[in-house]
Amino acid sequence: MLESHLKAKKLVPSPSQYTIAAELGTHQRQNPMTTKSPRVMEAEVIQKNQKKYGFPGVGKYSLQHKPRIMLGASDKGERIGVISEA
């Protein structure tokens, strides 16, 4: 009985041989419930809002209006039928 106990004890490592979490480093996958998101500064929020909701600057608009194409609009000219040409 003593021999079987000693044999089992040889297979179990001592507490100093276990790897500790500090030794594993930060390359391990982190828990999303306990990790913090990066801090957002007020200046970053202002820059983000300016980019997202900002108005166009000077010279961004072209004052030349392009003619619009009316889709589905009928021609207002004289209507000539096929029969009248015959």
N, C-alpha and C. Protein backbone atom coordinates (compact mmCIF):
# COMPACT_ATOMS: atom_id res chain seq x y z
N MET A 1 0.83 -1.19 0.00
CA MET A 1 0.00 0.00 0.00
C MET A 1 0.88 1.26 0.00
N LEU A 2 1.93 1.21 0.72
CA LEU A 2 2.83 2.35 0.78
C LEU A 2 3.50 2.57 -0.58
N GLU A 3 3.81 1.51 -1.29
CA GLU A 3 4.44 1.64 -2.60
C GLU A 3 3.49 2.29 -3.61
N SER A 4 2.22 1.91 -3.58
CA SER A 4 1.26 2.51 -4.51
C SER A 4 1.06 4.00 -4.21
N HIS A 5 1.13 4.36 -2.91
CA HIS A 5 1.00 5.77 -2.52
C HIS A 5 2.21 6.58 -2.99
N LEU A 6 3.39 6.03 -2.87
CA LEU A 6 4.61 6.71 -3.32
C LEU A 6 4.63 6.83 -4.85
N LYS A 7 4.16 5.79 -5.53
CA LYS A 7 4.13 5.83 -6.99
C LYS A 7 3.17 6.92 -7.49
N ALA A 8 2.00 7.04 -6.85
CA ALA A 8 1.04 8.08 -7.23
C ALA A 8 1.58 9.46 -6.91
N LYS A 9 2.35 9.57 -5.83
CA LYS A 9 2.90 10.86 -5.44
C LYS A 9 3.97 11.32 -6.44
N LYS A 10 4.69 10.39 -7.06
CA LYS A 10 5.69 10.74 -8.05
C LYS A 10 5.05 11.34 -9.31
N LEU A 11 3.85 10.87 -9.65
CA LEU A 11 3.18 11.34 -10.86
C LEU A 11 2.56 12.73 -10.70
N VAL A 12 2.24 13.12 -9.46
CA VAL A 12 1.61 14.42 -9.21
C VAL A 12 2.72 15.45 -9.01
N PRO A 13 2.73 16.56 -9.79
CA PRO A 13 3.79 17.56 -9.62
C PRO A 13 3.60 18.37 -8.34
N SER A 14 4.66 18.93 -7.87
CA SER A 14 4.60 19.74 -6.65
C SER A 14 3.97 21.10 -6.99
N PRO A 15 3.50 21.84 -5.99
CA PRO A 15 2.87 23.14 -6.26
C PRO A 15 3.81 24.14 -6.93
N SER A 16 5.09 24.02 -6.74
CA SER A 16 6.02 24.97 -7.36
C SER A 16 6.22 24.69 -8.86
N GLN A 17 5.81 23.52 -9.32
CA GLN A 17 5.97 23.18 -10.73
C GLN A 17 4.79 23.62 -11.61
N TYR A 18 3.69 24.03 -11.00
CA TYR A 18 2.55 24.50 -11.78
C TYR A 18 2.85 25.88 -12.37
N THR A 19 2.31 26.14 -13.56
CA THR A 19 2.50 27.46 -14.16
C THR A 19 1.50 28.44 -13.55
N ILE A 20 2.00 29.59 -13.19
CA ILE A 20 1.17 30.62 -12.57
C ILE A 20 0.70 31.56 -13.67
N ALA A 21 -0.44 32.18 -13.47
CA ALA A 21 -1.01 33.07 -14.49
C ALA A 21 -0.07 34.23 -14.81
N ALA A 22 0.69 34.71 -13.84
CA ALA A 22 1.62 35.81 -14.09
C ALA A 22 2.75 35.37 -15.02
N GLU A 23 3.11 34.11 -14.98
CA GLU A 23 4.17 33.60 -15.85
C GLU A 23 3.67 33.40 -17.28
N LEU A 24 2.38 33.20 -17.43
CA LEU A 24 1.83 32.96 -18.75
C LEU A 24 1.84 34.22 -19.61
N GLY A 25 1.81 35.39 -19.00
CA GLY A 25 1.89 36.64 -19.73
C GLY A 25 0.53 37.08 -20.26
N THR A 26 0.55 38.10 -21.12
CA THR A 26 -0.70 38.66 -21.63
C THR A 26 -1.11 38.05 -22.96
N HIS A 27 -0.37 37.06 -23.45
CA HIS A 27 -0.73 36.47 -24.73
C HIS A 27 -1.94 35.56 -24.62
N GLN A 28 -2.40 35.30 -23.42
CA GLN A 28 -3.59 34.48 -23.26
C GLN A 28 -4.83 35.25 -23.69
N ARG A 29 -5.84 34.54 -24.05
CA ARG A 29 -7.11 35.18 -24.42
C ARG A 29 -7.72 35.79 -23.17
N GLN A 30 -8.12 37.05 -23.26
CA GLN A 30 -8.65 37.75 -22.10
C GLN A 30 -10.15 37.57 -21.99
N ASN A 31 -10.63 37.65 -20.80
CA ASN A 31 -12.05 37.50 -20.53
C ASN A 31 -12.75 38.82 -20.87
N PRO A 32 -13.74 38.83 -21.77
CA PRO A 32 -14.39 40.10 -22.13
C PRO A 32 -15.21 40.70 -20.99
N MET A 33 -15.54 39.92 -20.00
CA MET A 33 -16.32 40.45 -18.89
C MET A 33 -15.46 41.26 -17.93
N THR A 34 -14.17 41.01 -17.91
CA THR A 34 -13.32 41.69 -16.94
C THR A 34 -12.35 42.67 -17.60
N THR A 35 -12.23 42.67 -18.91
CA THR A 35 -11.30 43.59 -19.55
C THR A 35 -11.96 44.95 -19.74
N LYS A 36 -11.15 45.98 -19.70
CA LYS A 36 -11.66 47.33 -19.83
C LYS A 36 -11.50 47.80 -21.27
N SER A 37 -12.44 48.60 -21.71
CA SER A 37 -12.31 49.21 -23.03
C SER A 37 -11.41 50.44 -22.92
N PRO A 38 -10.82 50.85 -24.03
CA PRO A 38 -9.95 52.03 -23.95
C PRO A 38 -10.74 53.27 -23.59
N ARG A 39 -10.10 54.17 -22.88
CA ARG A 39 -10.77 55.40 -22.45
C ARG A 39 -10.97 56.32 -23.65
N VAL A 40 -12.11 56.97 -23.67
CA VAL A 40 -12.43 57.90 -24.74
C VAL A 40 -12.38 59.30 -24.16
N MET A 41 -11.48 60.12 -24.69
CA MET A 41 -11.33 61.48 -24.21
C MET A 41 -12.35 62.39 -24.88
N GLU A 42 -12.62 63.52 -24.24
CA GLU A 42 -13.61 64.46 -24.77
C GLU A 42 -13.19 65.02 -26.13
N ALA A 43 -11.89 65.26 -26.31
CA ALA A 43 -11.40 65.78 -27.59
C ALA A 43 -11.63 64.77 -28.71
N GLU A 44 -11.48 63.49 -28.43
CA GLU A 44 -11.72 62.45 -29.43
C GLU A 44 -13.20 62.41 -29.81
N VAL A 45 -14.08 62.60 -28.83
CA VAL A 45 -15.51 62.60 -29.11
C VAL A 45 -15.87 63.78 -30.00
N ILE A 46 -15.28 64.95 -29.74
CA ILE A 46 -15.56 66.14 -30.54
C ILE A 46 -15.07 65.93 -31.97
N GLN A 47 -13.87 65.38 -32.15
CA GLN A 47 -13.34 65.14 -33.48
C GLN A 47 -14.21 64.13 -34.24
N LYS A 48 -14.65 63.11 -33.55
CA LYS A 48 -15.49 62.09 -34.19
C LYS A 48 -16.82 62.69 -34.63
N ASN A 49 -17.42 63.53 -33.79
CA ASN A 49 -18.69 64.16 -34.14
C ASN A 49 -18.52 65.16 -35.27
N GLN A 50 -17.39 65.90 -35.30
CA GLN A 50 -17.14 66.83 -36.38
C GLN A 50 -17.02 66.10 -37.71
N LYS A 51 -16.36 64.96 -37.68
CA LYS A 51 -16.19 64.19 -38.91
C LYS A 51 -17.52 63.59 -39.36
N LYS A 52 -18.33 63.14 -38.40
CA LYS A 52 -19.58 62.46 -38.72
C LYS A 52 -20.69 63.45 -39.09
N TYR A 53 -20.82 64.54 -38.33
CA TYR A 53 -21.94 65.45 -38.51
C TYR A 53 -21.50 66.83 -39.01
N GLY A 54 -20.25 66.98 -39.43
CA GLY A 54 -19.74 68.29 -39.81
C GLY A 54 -20.33 68.79 -41.12
N PHE A 55 -20.34 70.10 -41.27
CA PHE A 55 -20.81 70.73 -42.49
C PHE A 55 -19.66 70.84 -43.47
N PRO A 56 -19.94 70.86 -44.77
CA PRO A 56 -18.87 71.00 -45.74
C PRO A 56 -18.21 72.38 -45.63
N GLY A 57 -16.95 72.42 -45.95
CA GLY A 57 -16.19 73.66 -45.86
C GLY A 57 -16.44 74.57 -47.04
N VAL A 58 -15.66 75.65 -47.08
CA VAL A 58 -15.79 76.65 -48.13
C VAL A 58 -15.33 76.04 -49.45
N GLY A 59 -16.10 76.28 -50.52
CA GLY A 59 -15.73 75.80 -51.85
C GLY A 59 -16.06 74.35 -52.11
N LYS A 60 -16.84 73.73 -51.27
CA LYS A 60 -17.18 72.33 -51.48
C LYS A 60 -18.36 72.16 -52.42
N TYR A 61 -19.19 73.18 -52.53
CA TYR A 61 -20.35 73.09 -53.40
C TYR A 61 -20.02 73.65 -54.77
N SER A 62 -20.57 73.06 -55.81
CA SER A 62 -20.44 73.63 -57.15
C SER A 62 -21.72 74.40 -57.44
N LEU A 63 -21.57 75.63 -57.90
CA LEU A 63 -22.73 76.47 -58.15
C LEU A 63 -23.33 76.24 -59.52
N GLN A 64 -22.69 75.45 -60.35
CA GLN A 64 -23.21 75.12 -61.67
C GLN A 64 -24.28 74.04 -61.52
N HIS A 65 -25.51 74.39 -61.89
CA HIS A 65 -26.59 73.41 -61.79
C HIS A 65 -26.65 72.60 -63.07
N LYS A 66 -26.70 71.32 -62.92
CA LYS A 66 -26.80 70.42 -64.07
C LYS A 66 -28.27 70.26 -64.45
N PRO A 67 -28.57 70.14 -65.74
CA PRO A 67 -29.98 69.96 -66.12
C PRO A 67 -30.49 68.60 -65.64
N ARG A 68 -31.68 68.63 -65.10
CA ARG A 68 -32.26 67.40 -64.58
C ARG A 68 -32.99 66.65 -65.68
N ILE A 69 -32.89 65.38 -65.67
CA ILE A 69 -33.58 64.53 -66.63
C ILE A 69 -34.87 64.06 -65.97
N MET A 70 -35.97 64.41 -66.59
CA MET A 70 -37.26 64.03 -66.02
C MET A 70 -37.62 62.63 -66.51
N LEU A 71 -37.66 61.72 -65.64
CA LEU A 71 -38.00 60.35 -66.01
C LEU A 71 -39.51 60.18 -66.02
N GLY A 72 -40.04 59.62 -67.07
CA GLY A 72 -41.47 59.36 -67.15
C GLY A 72 -42.27 60.57 -67.59
N ALA A 73 -41.64 61.68 -67.84
CA ALA A 73 -42.38 62.87 -68.27
C ALA A 73 -42.65 62.77 -69.77
N SER A 74 -43.81 63.22 -70.18
CA SER A 74 -44.16 63.16 -71.61
C SER A 74 -43.64 64.40 -72.34
N ASP A 75 -43.44 64.25 -73.62
CA ASP A 75 -42.97 65.35 -74.44
C ASP A 75 -44.13 66.33 -74.65
N LYS A 76 -43.88 67.61 -74.49
CA LYS A 76 -44.94 68.61 -74.60
C LYS A 76 -45.07 69.15 -76.02
N GLY A 77 -44.31 68.59 -76.96
CA GLY A 77 -44.39 69.06 -78.35
C GLY A 77 -45.65 68.57 -79.05
N GLU A 78 -45.72 68.88 -80.35
CA GLU A 78 -46.89 68.48 -81.14
C GLU A 78 -46.92 66.97 -81.30
N ARG A 79 -48.07 66.38 -81.12
CA ARG A 79 -48.21 64.93 -81.24
C ARG A 79 -48.54 64.59 -82.69
N ILE A 80 -47.71 63.77 -83.29
CA ILE A 80 -47.93 63.36 -84.66
C ILE A 80 -48.12 61.83 -84.64
N GLY A 81 -49.20 61.39 -85.12
CA GLY A 81 -49.49 59.97 -85.14
C GLY A 81 -48.98 59.32 -86.42
N VAL A 82 -48.96 58.03 -86.46
CA VAL A 82 -48.51 57.28 -87.62
C VAL A 82 -49.52 57.43 -88.75
N ILE A 83 -50.79 57.52 -88.46
CA ILE A 83 -51.83 57.61 -89.49
C ILE A 83 -51.75 58.96 -90.22
N SER A 84 -51.42 60.00 -89.53
CA SER A 84 -51.40 61.31 -90.17
C SER A 84 -50.23 61.43 -91.16
N GLU A 85 -49.22 60.64 -91.02
CA GLU A 85 -48.09 60.67 -91.96
C GLU A 85 -48.42 59.94 -93.26
N ALA A 86 -49.38 59.03 -93.23
CA ALA A 86 -49.68 58.24 -94.41
C ALA A 86 -50.41 58.98 -95.47
